[in-house]
Amino acid sequence: MHPYATTVPQPAATRPEAPPGTPVLPVRTRPGPAIQDTSLMLGYHDTAPADARATLRLTLKTWQLPGLIDLAESITTELVTNAIAVSRDKAPPGTEPRPVILRLTVQPGAGELCIRVWDPDPTAPPSGQLPPGDDEESGRGLFIVNALSSRWGWHPGPNGGKFVWSALSLDVQPPPD
């Protein structure tokens, strides 16, 4: 055959239970345990933290991780509230703020629930600051995230902005009743 000649496509193999002529779909597999992953796009509305908590509760119940709900709700509330504020602040005049994204992931080998929230500002969240005074109405969010998380941090988003994340060990026990 000439090196620049095209090959004639061969008919695809079929599944035994499928009607003749039905192509076999390729199967993608990855070695290792399955990753549990869900995400939610949230508008800049005041209901965004409540919507994020509702999704988190349902997801953790589905993943059979109810012992993490209370801590994860507090962290999620703070991260989403901060992201919404950043989105509002960074919106050009006359435009609507961009939505934020909540992403929940469990990788069984890592033994952690990872809560990530994207916002449109690529700059690092503030760190090394003193806690706000008792009379201040805001500014405690990342102190709360730090106190409740196994670890937390941030990284740039793939298309701009940043993800602020928090990890919780899957070994966290629910508080006693």
N, C-alpha and C. Protein backbone atom coordinates (compact mmCIF):
# COMPACT_ATOMS: atom_id res chain seq x y z
N MET A 1 0.85 -1.18 0.00
CA MET A 1 0.00 0.00 0.00
C MET A 1 0.89 1.23 0.00
N HIS A 2 0.48 2.25 -0.72
CA HIS A 2 1.23 3.50 -0.79
C HIS A 2 1.21 4.19 0.58
N PRO A 3 2.33 4.82 1.03
CA PRO A 3 2.38 5.40 2.37
C PRO A 3 1.35 6.51 2.60
N TYR A 4 0.86 7.20 1.57
CA TYR A 4 -0.11 8.26 1.76
C TYR A 4 -1.54 7.81 1.49
N ALA A 5 -1.69 6.57 1.21
CA ALA A 5 -3.04 6.07 0.93
C ALA A 5 -3.82 5.95 2.24
N THR A 6 -5.11 6.17 2.16
CA THR A 6 -5.96 6.02 3.34
C THR A 6 -6.40 4.57 3.44
N THR A 7 -6.62 4.15 4.64
CA THR A 7 -7.09 2.78 4.83
C THR A 7 -8.60 2.77 4.76
N VAL A 8 -9.12 1.68 4.34
CA VAL A 8 -10.57 1.52 4.25
C VAL A 8 -11.06 1.11 5.63
N PRO A 9 -12.03 1.85 6.22
CA PRO A 9 -12.52 1.48 7.55
C PRO A 9 -13.17 0.11 7.52
N GLN A 10 -12.88 -0.65 8.54
CA GLN A 10 -13.47 -1.96 8.69
C GLN A 10 -14.75 -1.84 9.51
N PRO A 11 -15.72 -2.69 9.28
CA PRO A 11 -16.94 -2.62 10.08
C PRO A 11 -16.62 -2.90 11.55
N ALA A 12 -17.29 -2.16 12.42
CA ALA A 12 -17.06 -2.32 13.86
C ALA A 12 -17.64 -3.64 14.34
N ALA A 13 -16.97 -4.19 15.35
CA ALA A 13 -17.49 -5.40 15.98
C ALA A 13 -18.80 -5.07 16.67
N THR A 14 -19.64 -6.04 16.83
CA THR A 14 -20.92 -5.80 17.48
C THR A 14 -21.02 -6.57 18.77
N ARG A 15 -21.91 -6.08 19.64
CA ARG A 15 -22.19 -6.81 20.88
C ARG A 15 -23.10 -7.97 20.53
N PRO A 16 -22.97 -9.10 21.23
CA PRO A 16 -23.81 -10.24 20.90
C PRO A 16 -25.30 -9.95 21.07
N GLU A 17 -25.69 -9.12 22.06
CA GLU A 17 -27.11 -8.89 22.29
C GLU A 17 -27.65 -7.73 21.46
N ALA A 18 -26.77 -7.02 20.76
CA ALA A 18 -27.20 -5.87 19.98
C ALA A 18 -27.61 -6.31 18.57
N PRO A 19 -28.49 -5.54 17.95
CA PRO A 19 -28.86 -5.86 16.57
C PRO A 19 -27.63 -5.78 15.67
N PRO A 20 -27.61 -6.54 14.60
CA PRO A 20 -26.46 -6.50 13.69
C PRO A 20 -26.22 -5.08 13.19
N GLY A 21 -24.95 -4.73 13.07
CA GLY A 21 -24.59 -3.40 12.58
C GLY A 21 -24.43 -2.36 13.68
N THR A 22 -24.73 -2.69 14.93
CA THR A 22 -24.57 -1.75 16.04
C THR A 22 -23.11 -1.73 16.44
N PRO A 23 -22.46 -0.56 16.40
CA PRO A 23 -21.04 -0.52 16.76
C PRO A 23 -20.83 -0.70 18.26
N VAL A 24 -19.68 -1.23 18.60
CA VAL A 24 -19.29 -1.36 20.00
C VAL A 24 -18.74 -0.02 20.45
N LEU A 25 -19.22 0.46 21.55
CA LEU A 25 -18.71 1.72 22.08
C LEU A 25 -17.42 1.45 22.83
N PRO A 26 -16.44 2.34 22.71
CA PRO A 26 -15.20 2.13 23.44
C PRO A 26 -15.45 2.23 24.94
N VAL A 27 -14.72 1.47 25.69
CA VAL A 27 -14.85 1.47 27.14
C VAL A 27 -13.61 2.13 27.71
N ARG A 28 -13.84 3.13 28.57
CA ARG A 28 -12.72 3.79 29.24
C ARG A 28 -12.68 3.30 30.66
N THR A 29 -11.55 2.80 31.05
CA THR A 29 -11.40 2.36 32.43
C THR A 29 -10.13 2.97 32.99
N ARG A 30 -10.15 3.20 34.28
CA ARG A 30 -8.98 3.67 34.99
C ARG A 30 -8.71 2.68 36.11
N PRO A 31 -7.47 2.36 36.33
CA PRO A 31 -7.18 1.47 37.45
C PRO A 31 -7.44 2.19 38.77
N GLY A 32 -7.72 1.44 39.79
CA GLY A 32 -7.91 2.02 41.11
C GLY A 32 -9.36 2.25 41.45
N PRO A 33 -9.59 2.72 42.68
CA PRO A 33 -10.96 2.95 43.14
C PRO A 33 -11.60 4.13 42.42
N ALA A 34 -12.90 4.11 42.36
CA ALA A 34 -13.65 5.17 41.70
C ALA A 34 -13.57 6.45 42.52
N ILE A 35 -13.50 7.57 41.83
CA ILE A 35 -13.51 8.88 42.47
C ILE A 35 -14.95 9.34 42.56
N GLN A 36 -15.35 9.78 43.73
CA GLN A 36 -16.68 10.35 43.89
C GLN A 36 -16.53 11.86 43.69
N ASP A 37 -17.35 12.43 42.82
CA ASP A 37 -17.16 13.81 42.43
C ASP A 37 -18.51 14.41 42.07
N THR A 38 -18.79 15.60 42.56
CA THR A 38 -19.98 16.33 42.14
C THR A 38 -19.66 17.81 42.15
N SER A 39 -20.37 18.57 41.33
CA SER A 39 -20.14 20.00 41.31
C SER A 39 -21.46 20.73 41.10
N LEU A 40 -21.46 22.00 41.46
CA LEU A 40 -22.66 22.83 41.39
C LEU A 40 -22.24 24.24 41.03
N MET A 41 -22.87 24.81 40.01
CA MET A 41 -22.63 26.20 39.66
C MET A 41 -23.65 27.04 40.42
N LEU A 42 -23.15 28.07 41.09
CA LEU A 42 -23.99 28.91 41.94
C LEU A 42 -23.97 30.34 41.46
N GLY A 43 -25.16 30.94 41.37
CA GLY A 43 -25.27 32.35 41.04
C GLY A 43 -24.81 33.18 42.22
N TYR A 44 -24.73 34.46 42.02
CA TYR A 44 -24.22 35.38 43.05
C TYR A 44 -25.30 35.81 44.03
N HIS A 45 -26.40 35.10 44.08
CA HIS A 45 -27.54 35.47 44.92
C HIS A 45 -27.30 35.10 46.38
N ASP A 46 -28.06 35.73 47.26
CA ASP A 46 -27.92 35.48 48.70
C ASP A 46 -28.26 34.04 49.08
N THR A 47 -28.98 33.33 48.22
CA THR A 47 -29.34 31.94 48.52
C THR A 47 -28.23 30.94 48.17
N ALA A 48 -27.16 31.41 47.56
CA ALA A 48 -26.09 30.49 47.12
C ALA A 48 -25.52 29.64 48.26
N PRO A 49 -25.20 30.21 49.43
CA PRO A 49 -24.67 29.34 50.50
C PRO A 49 -25.67 28.26 50.93
N ALA A 50 -26.96 28.60 51.01
CA ALA A 50 -27.98 27.60 51.38
C ALA A 50 -28.09 26.52 50.30
N ASP A 51 -28.04 26.91 49.03
CA ASP A 51 -28.08 25.93 47.94
C ASP A 51 -26.86 25.01 48.01
N ALA A 52 -25.70 25.59 48.30
CA ALA A 52 -24.48 24.79 48.41
C ALA A 52 -24.59 23.80 49.57
N ARG A 53 -25.12 24.25 50.71
CA ARG A 53 -25.27 23.34 51.87
C ARG A 53 -26.23 22.20 51.56
N ALA A 54 -27.33 22.51 50.88
CA ALA A 54 -28.31 21.47 50.53
C ALA A 54 -27.68 20.43 49.61
N THR A 55 -26.91 20.87 48.63
CA THR A 55 -26.22 19.93 47.74
C THR A 55 -25.20 19.11 48.52
N LEU A 56 -24.46 19.76 49.39
CA LEU A 56 -23.47 19.07 50.21
C LEU A 56 -24.12 17.99 51.08
N ARG A 57 -25.21 18.34 51.77
CA ARG A 57 -25.88 17.36 52.64
C ARG A 57 -26.34 16.15 51.84
N LEU A 58 -27.01 16.38 50.72
CA LEU A 58 -27.49 15.29 49.89
C LEU A 58 -26.33 14.43 49.37
N THR A 59 -25.29 15.07 48.94
CA THR A 59 -24.13 14.35 48.41
C THR A 59 -23.48 13.49 49.49
N LEU A 60 -23.25 14.06 50.66
CA LEU A 60 -22.59 13.28 51.71
C LEU A 60 -23.46 12.15 52.23
N LYS A 61 -24.77 12.33 52.25
CA LYS A 61 -25.66 11.23 52.61
C LYS A 61 -25.59 10.14 51.56
N THR A 62 -25.59 10.53 50.29
CA THR A 62 -25.50 9.56 49.19
C THR A 62 -24.19 8.80 49.24
N TRP A 63 -23.12 9.50 49.56
CA TRP A 63 -21.79 8.87 49.65
C TRP A 63 -21.57 8.15 50.98
N GLN A 64 -22.60 8.12 51.81
CA GLN A 64 -22.55 7.47 53.13
C GLN A 64 -21.46 8.07 54.03
N LEU A 65 -21.44 9.42 54.06
CA LEU A 65 -20.50 10.16 54.90
C LEU A 65 -21.24 11.18 55.78
N PRO A 66 -22.30 10.75 56.47
CA PRO A 66 -23.08 11.72 57.23
C PRO A 66 -22.30 12.35 58.39
N GLY A 67 -21.27 11.69 58.88
CA GLY A 67 -20.49 12.24 59.98
C GLY A 67 -19.71 13.50 59.62
N LEU A 68 -19.56 13.77 58.33
CA LEU A 68 -18.82 14.95 57.90
C LEU A 68 -19.72 16.15 57.64
N ILE A 69 -21.04 15.95 57.68
CA ILE A 69 -21.96 17.01 57.24
C ILE A 69 -21.79 18.31 58.02
N ASP A 70 -21.77 18.26 59.34
CA ASP A 70 -21.73 19.51 60.12
C ASP A 70 -20.47 20.33 59.82
N LEU A 71 -19.30 19.69 59.88
CA LEU A 71 -18.07 20.42 59.60
C LEU A 71 -18.04 20.91 58.15
N ALA A 72 -18.41 20.03 57.23
CA ALA A 72 -18.37 20.38 55.81
C ALA A 72 -19.35 21.51 55.49
N GLU A 73 -20.50 21.55 56.16
CA GLU A 73 -21.45 22.66 55.93
C GLU A 73 -20.86 23.99 56.36
N SER A 74 -20.20 24.01 57.52
CA SER A 74 -19.60 25.27 58.00
C SER A 74 -18.52 25.74 57.03
N ILE A 75 -17.67 24.83 56.59
CA ILE A 75 -16.60 25.19 55.66
C ILE A 75 -17.18 25.66 54.33
N THR A 76 -18.15 24.91 53.81
CA THR A 76 -18.76 25.26 52.53
C THR A 76 -19.42 26.63 52.59
N THR A 77 -20.12 26.91 53.66
CA THR A 77 -20.76 28.22 53.82
C THR A 77 -19.73 29.34 53.72
N GLU A 78 -18.61 29.18 54.44
CA GLU A 78 -17.59 30.23 54.44
C GLU A 78 -16.95 30.39 53.06
N LEU A 79 -16.60 29.27 52.41
CA LEU A 79 -15.95 29.34 51.10
C LEU A 79 -16.88 29.93 50.04
N VAL A 80 -18.14 29.51 50.04
CA VAL A 80 -19.09 30.02 49.05
C VAL A 80 -19.39 31.50 49.32
N THR A 81 -19.58 31.88 50.56
CA THR A 81 -19.86 33.28 50.90
C THR A 81 -18.70 34.17 50.44
N ASN A 82 -17.46 33.74 50.70
CA ASN A 82 -16.29 34.51 50.26
C ASN A 82 -16.25 34.60 48.73
N ALA A 83 -16.51 33.49 48.05
CA ALA A 83 -16.45 33.47 46.59
C ALA A 83 -17.51 34.39 45.97
N ILE A 84 -18.70 34.39 46.55
CA ILE A 84 -19.77 35.26 46.05
C ILE A 84 -19.36 36.73 46.24
N ALA A 85 -18.79 37.06 47.39
CA ALA A 85 -18.35 38.44 47.63
C ALA A 85 -17.27 38.84 46.63
N VAL A 86 -16.32 37.95 46.37
CA VAL A 86 -15.26 38.23 45.39
C VAL A 86 -15.86 38.41 44.01
N SER A 87 -16.80 37.56 43.64
CA SER A 87 -17.42 37.65 42.32
C SER A 87 -18.15 38.99 42.15
N ARG A 88 -18.83 39.42 43.18
CA ARG A 88 -19.52 40.72 43.13
C ARG A 88 -18.51 41.86 43.01
N ASP A 89 -17.41 41.78 43.80
CA ASP A 89 -16.40 42.84 43.79
C ASP A 89 -15.67 42.93 42.45
N LYS A 90 -15.46 41.81 41.79
CA LYS A 90 -14.68 41.77 40.56
C LYS A 90 -15.50 41.99 39.30
N ALA A 91 -16.83 42.07 39.42
CA ALA A 91 -17.67 42.27 38.24
C ALA A 91 -17.47 43.70 37.72
N PRO A 92 -17.18 43.83 36.43
CA PRO A 92 -17.06 45.18 35.87
C PRO A 92 -18.38 45.94 36.03
N PRO A 93 -18.31 47.26 36.16
CA PRO A 93 -19.54 48.04 36.30
C PRO A 93 -20.52 47.75 35.16
N GLY A 94 -21.78 47.58 35.52
CA GLY A 94 -22.82 47.34 34.54
C GLY A 94 -22.96 45.88 34.11
N THR A 95 -22.18 44.99 34.71
CA THR A 95 -22.28 43.56 34.37
C THR A 95 -22.65 42.76 35.61
N GLU A 96 -23.20 41.60 35.38
CA GLU A 96 -23.53 40.71 36.50
C GLU A 96 -22.28 39.96 36.95
N PRO A 97 -22.18 39.69 38.24
CA PRO A 97 -21.06 38.88 38.71
C PRO A 97 -21.08 37.48 38.09
N ARG A 98 -19.91 36.89 37.97
CA ARG A 98 -19.82 35.55 37.40
C ARG A 98 -20.27 34.54 38.45
N PRO A 99 -20.83 33.42 38.02
CA PRO A 99 -21.19 32.37 38.97
C PRO A 99 -19.94 31.77 39.60
N VAL A 100 -20.11 31.18 40.75
CA VAL A 100 -19.02 30.45 41.41
C VAL A 100 -19.33 28.96 41.30
N ILE A 101 -18.32 28.14 41.52
CA ILE A 101 -18.49 26.69 41.37
C ILE A 101 -18.07 26.00 42.66
N LEU A 102 -18.95 25.15 43.15
CA LEU A 102 -18.66 24.28 44.29
C LEU A 102 -18.34 22.90 43.73
N ARG A 103 -17.25 22.32 44.17
CA ARG A 103 -16.89 20.96 43.73
C ARG A 103 -16.53 20.14 44.95
N LEU A 104 -17.16 18.97 45.06
CA LEU A 104 -16.93 18.03 46.17
C LEU A 104 -16.31 16.77 45.59
N THR A 105 -15.24 16.30 46.21
CA THR A 105 -14.54 15.13 45.70
C THR A 105 -14.07 14.25 46.85
N VAL A 106 -14.22 12.94 46.67
CA VAL A 106 -13.62 11.97 47.59
C VAL A 106 -12.82 10.99 46.74
N GLN A 107 -11.55 10.89 47.06
CA GLN A 107 -10.69 9.88 46.45
C GLN A 107 -10.39 8.88 47.56
N PRO A 108 -10.94 7.67 47.46
CA PRO A 108 -10.79 6.71 48.55
C PRO A 108 -9.36 6.50 49.01
N GLY A 109 -8.41 6.49 48.11
CA GLY A 109 -7.02 6.29 48.50
C GLY A 109 -6.48 7.44 49.33
N ALA A 110 -7.00 8.65 49.11
CA ALA A 110 -6.52 9.82 49.84
C ALA A 110 -7.15 9.91 51.22
N GLY A 111 -8.32 9.32 51.40
CA GLY A 111 -8.99 9.35 52.70
C GLY A 111 -9.51 10.72 53.10
N GLU A 112 -9.84 11.55 52.11
CA GLU A 112 -10.29 12.90 52.40
C GLU A 112 -11.47 13.30 51.53
N LEU A 113 -12.30 14.15 52.11
CA LEU A 113 -13.31 14.89 51.34
C LEU A 113 -12.65 16.21 51.01
N CYS A 114 -12.66 16.58 49.74
CA CYS A 114 -12.12 17.87 49.32
C CYS A 114 -13.28 18.76 48.88
N ILE A 115 -13.37 19.93 49.48
CA ILE A 115 -14.37 20.94 49.13
C ILE A 115 -13.61 22.05 48.42
N ARG A 116 -13.96 22.29 47.16
CA ARG A 116 -13.30 23.35 46.40
C ARG A 116 -14.35 24.32 45.89
N VAL A 117 -14.01 25.62 45.97
CA VAL A 117 -14.92 26.65 45.46
C VAL A 117 -14.11 27.59 44.56
N TRP A 118 -14.62 27.76 43.32
CA TRP A 118 -13.97 28.64 42.35
C TRP A 118 -14.58 30.02 42.39
N ASP A 119 -13.72 31.03 42.29
CA ASP A 119 -14.18 32.40 42.10
C ASP A 119 -13.33 33.05 41.00
N PRO A 120 -13.79 34.18 40.44
CA PRO A 120 -13.11 34.76 39.27
C PRO A 120 -11.84 35.55 39.56
N ASP A 121 -11.45 35.72 40.80
CA ASP A 121 -10.27 36.51 41.14
C ASP A 121 -9.05 35.59 41.24
N PRO A 122 -8.01 35.81 40.43
CA PRO A 122 -6.85 34.92 40.46
C PRO A 122 -5.89 35.17 41.63
N THR A 123 -6.10 36.22 42.40
CA THR A 123 -5.16 36.51 43.49
C THR A 123 -5.41 35.59 44.69
N ALA A 124 -4.35 35.33 45.42
CA ALA A 124 -4.41 34.44 46.57
C ALA A 124 -5.33 35.02 47.63
N PRO A 125 -6.01 34.14 48.38
CA PRO A 125 -6.81 34.65 49.50
C PRO A 125 -5.88 35.23 50.56
N PRO A 126 -6.38 36.16 51.36
CA PRO A 126 -5.51 36.76 52.38
C PRO A 126 -5.05 35.71 53.39
N SER A 127 -3.80 35.82 53.81
CA SER A 127 -3.30 34.91 54.83
C SER A 127 -2.41 35.70 55.78
N GLY A 128 -2.21 35.15 56.95
CA GLY A 128 -1.35 35.79 57.92
C GLY A 128 -1.93 37.03 58.57
N GLN A 129 -3.22 37.23 58.41
CA GLN A 129 -3.84 38.40 59.02
C GLN A 129 -4.27 38.07 60.45
N LEU A 130 -4.42 39.11 61.25
CA LEU A 130 -4.95 38.94 62.59
C LEU A 130 -6.45 38.73 62.50
N PRO A 131 -7.02 37.98 63.43
CA PRO A 131 -8.48 37.81 63.42
C PRO A 131 -9.17 39.17 63.57
N PRO A 132 -10.35 39.30 62.99
CA PRO A 132 -11.08 40.58 63.13
C PRO A 132 -11.49 40.78 64.59
N GLY A 133 -11.72 42.03 64.93
CA GLY A 133 -12.15 42.35 66.28
C GLY A 133 -13.56 41.85 66.56
N ASP A 134 -13.92 41.84 67.83
CA ASP A 134 -15.24 41.34 68.24
C ASP A 134 -16.39 42.14 67.62
N ASP A 135 -16.15 43.40 67.31
CA ASP A 135 -17.20 44.24 66.75
C ASP A 135 -17.32 44.13 65.23
N GLU A 136 -16.37 43.46 64.58
CA GLU A 136 -16.39 43.33 63.12
C GLU A 136 -17.46 42.32 62.71
N GLU A 137 -18.17 42.64 61.61
CA GLU A 137 -19.23 41.77 61.14
C GLU A 137 -18.76 40.73 60.14
N SER A 138 -17.57 40.89 59.59
CA SER A 138 -17.07 39.93 58.61
C SER A 138 -15.57 39.76 58.79
N GLY A 139 -15.00 38.85 57.99
CA GLY A 139 -13.56 38.65 58.03
C GLY A 139 -13.11 37.41 58.78
N ARG A 140 -14.05 36.58 59.23
CA ARG A 140 -13.70 35.38 59.99
C ARG A 140 -13.68 34.10 59.14
N GLY A 141 -14.14 34.19 57.90
CA GLY A 141 -14.35 33.01 57.07
C GLY A 141 -13.15 32.09 56.98
N LEU A 142 -12.00 32.61 56.60
CA LEU A 142 -10.83 31.74 56.44
C LEU A 142 -10.27 31.27 57.77
N PHE A 143 -10.50 32.03 58.84
CA PHE A 143 -10.10 31.55 60.18
C PHE A 143 -10.94 30.33 60.56
N ILE A 144 -12.22 30.37 60.22
CA ILE A 144 -13.11 29.23 60.48
C ILE A 144 -12.69 28.04 59.63
N VAL A 145 -12.43 28.26 58.34
CA VAL A 145 -11.99 27.19 57.45
C VAL A 145 -10.70 26.57 57.99
N ASN A 146 -9.76 27.38 58.40
CA ASN A 146 -8.50 26.88 58.95
C ASN A 146 -8.71 26.04 60.20
N ALA A 147 -9.60 26.51 61.08
CA ALA A 147 -9.84 25.80 62.34
C ALA A 147 -10.53 24.45 62.13
N LEU A 148 -11.40 24.35 61.12
CA LEU A 148 -12.20 23.14 60.94
C LEU A 148 -11.58 22.13 59.97
N SER A 149 -10.68 22.55 59.12
CA SER A 149 -10.13 21.70 58.07
C SER A 149 -8.93 20.88 58.56
N SER A 150 -8.73 19.72 57.93
CA SER A 150 -7.49 18.99 58.12
C SER A 150 -6.35 19.81 57.51
N ARG A 151 -6.63 20.39 56.38
CA ARG A 151 -5.71 21.29 55.69
C ARG A 151 -6.52 22.08 54.67
N TRP A 152 -6.00 23.22 54.22
CA TRP A 152 -6.69 24.02 53.22
C TRP A 152 -5.66 24.82 52.44
N GLY A 153 -6.09 25.36 51.32
CA GLY A 153 -5.19 26.16 50.50
C GLY A 153 -5.93 26.69 49.29
N TRP A 154 -5.19 27.02 48.27
CA TRP A 154 -5.78 27.54 47.04
C TRP A 154 -4.87 27.19 45.88
N HIS A 155 -5.43 27.22 44.67
CA HIS A 155 -4.63 27.06 43.46
C HIS A 155 -5.34 27.78 42.32
N PRO A 156 -4.56 28.22 41.31
CA PRO A 156 -5.18 28.90 40.18
C PRO A 156 -6.16 27.99 39.45
N GLY A 157 -7.22 28.58 38.92
CA GLY A 157 -8.16 27.83 38.09
C GLY A 157 -7.59 27.64 36.70
N PRO A 158 -8.06 26.63 35.98
CA PRO A 158 -7.50 26.37 34.65
C PRO A 158 -7.79 27.47 33.63
N ASN A 159 -8.87 28.21 33.81
CA ASN A 159 -9.23 29.29 32.88
C ASN A 159 -9.32 30.62 33.60
N GLY A 160 -8.44 30.84 34.53
CA GLY A 160 -8.46 32.06 35.32
C GLY A 160 -9.17 31.84 36.65
N GLY A 161 -9.13 32.85 37.46
CA GLY A 161 -9.73 32.73 38.79
C GLY A 161 -8.90 31.79 39.65
N LYS A 162 -9.52 31.33 40.72
CA LYS A 162 -8.82 30.42 41.63
C LYS A 162 -9.82 29.50 42.31
N PHE A 163 -9.32 28.38 42.79
CA PHE A 163 -10.05 27.49 43.67
C PHE A 163 -9.48 27.64 45.06
N VAL A 164 -10.34 27.86 46.04
CA VAL A 164 -9.96 27.78 47.44
C VAL A 164 -10.52 26.46 47.91
N TRP A 165 -9.69 25.64 48.57
CA TRP A 165 -10.10 24.28 48.91
C TRP A 165 -9.85 24.00 50.39
N SER A 166 -10.59 23.01 50.85
CA SER A 166 -10.46 22.52 52.21
C SER A 166 -10.58 21.01 52.18
N ALA A 167 -9.77 20.34 52.97
CA ALA A 167 -9.82 18.88 53.05
C ALA A 167 -10.25 18.47 54.46
N LEU A 168 -11.12 17.46 54.51
CA LEU A 168 -11.56 16.87 55.77
C LEU A 168 -11.26 15.38 55.72
N SER A 169 -10.67 14.87 56.78
CA SER A 169 -10.38 13.44 56.85
C SER A 169 -11.69 12.66 56.88
N LEU A 170 -11.72 11.54 56.17
CA LEU A 170 -12.91 10.69 56.19
C LEU A 170 -13.08 9.99 57.53
N ASP A 171 -12.05 10.05 58.37
CA ASP A 171 -12.11 9.41 59.69
C ASP A 171 -12.77 10.27 60.75
N VAL A 172 -13.19 11.47 60.40
CA VAL A 172 -13.85 12.36 61.36
C VAL A 172 -15.09 11.66 61.90
N GLN A 173 -15.21 11.66 63.20
CA GLN A 173 -16.36 11.03 63.84
C GLN A 173 -17.44 12.08 64.11
N PRO A 174 -18.71 11.67 63.97
CA PRO A 174 -19.77 12.64 64.26
C PRO A 174 -19.73 13.02 65.74
N PRO A 175 -20.12 14.27 66.05
CA PRO A 175 -20.14 14.69 67.46
C PRO A 175 -21.15 13.86 68.25
N PRO A 176 -20.85 13.61 69.54
CA PRO A 176 -21.80 12.83 70.34
C PRO A 176 -23.10 13.60 70.55
N ASP A 177 -24.21 12.85 70.63
CA ASP A 177 -25.51 13.50 70.83
C ASP A 177 -25.73 13.87 72.26
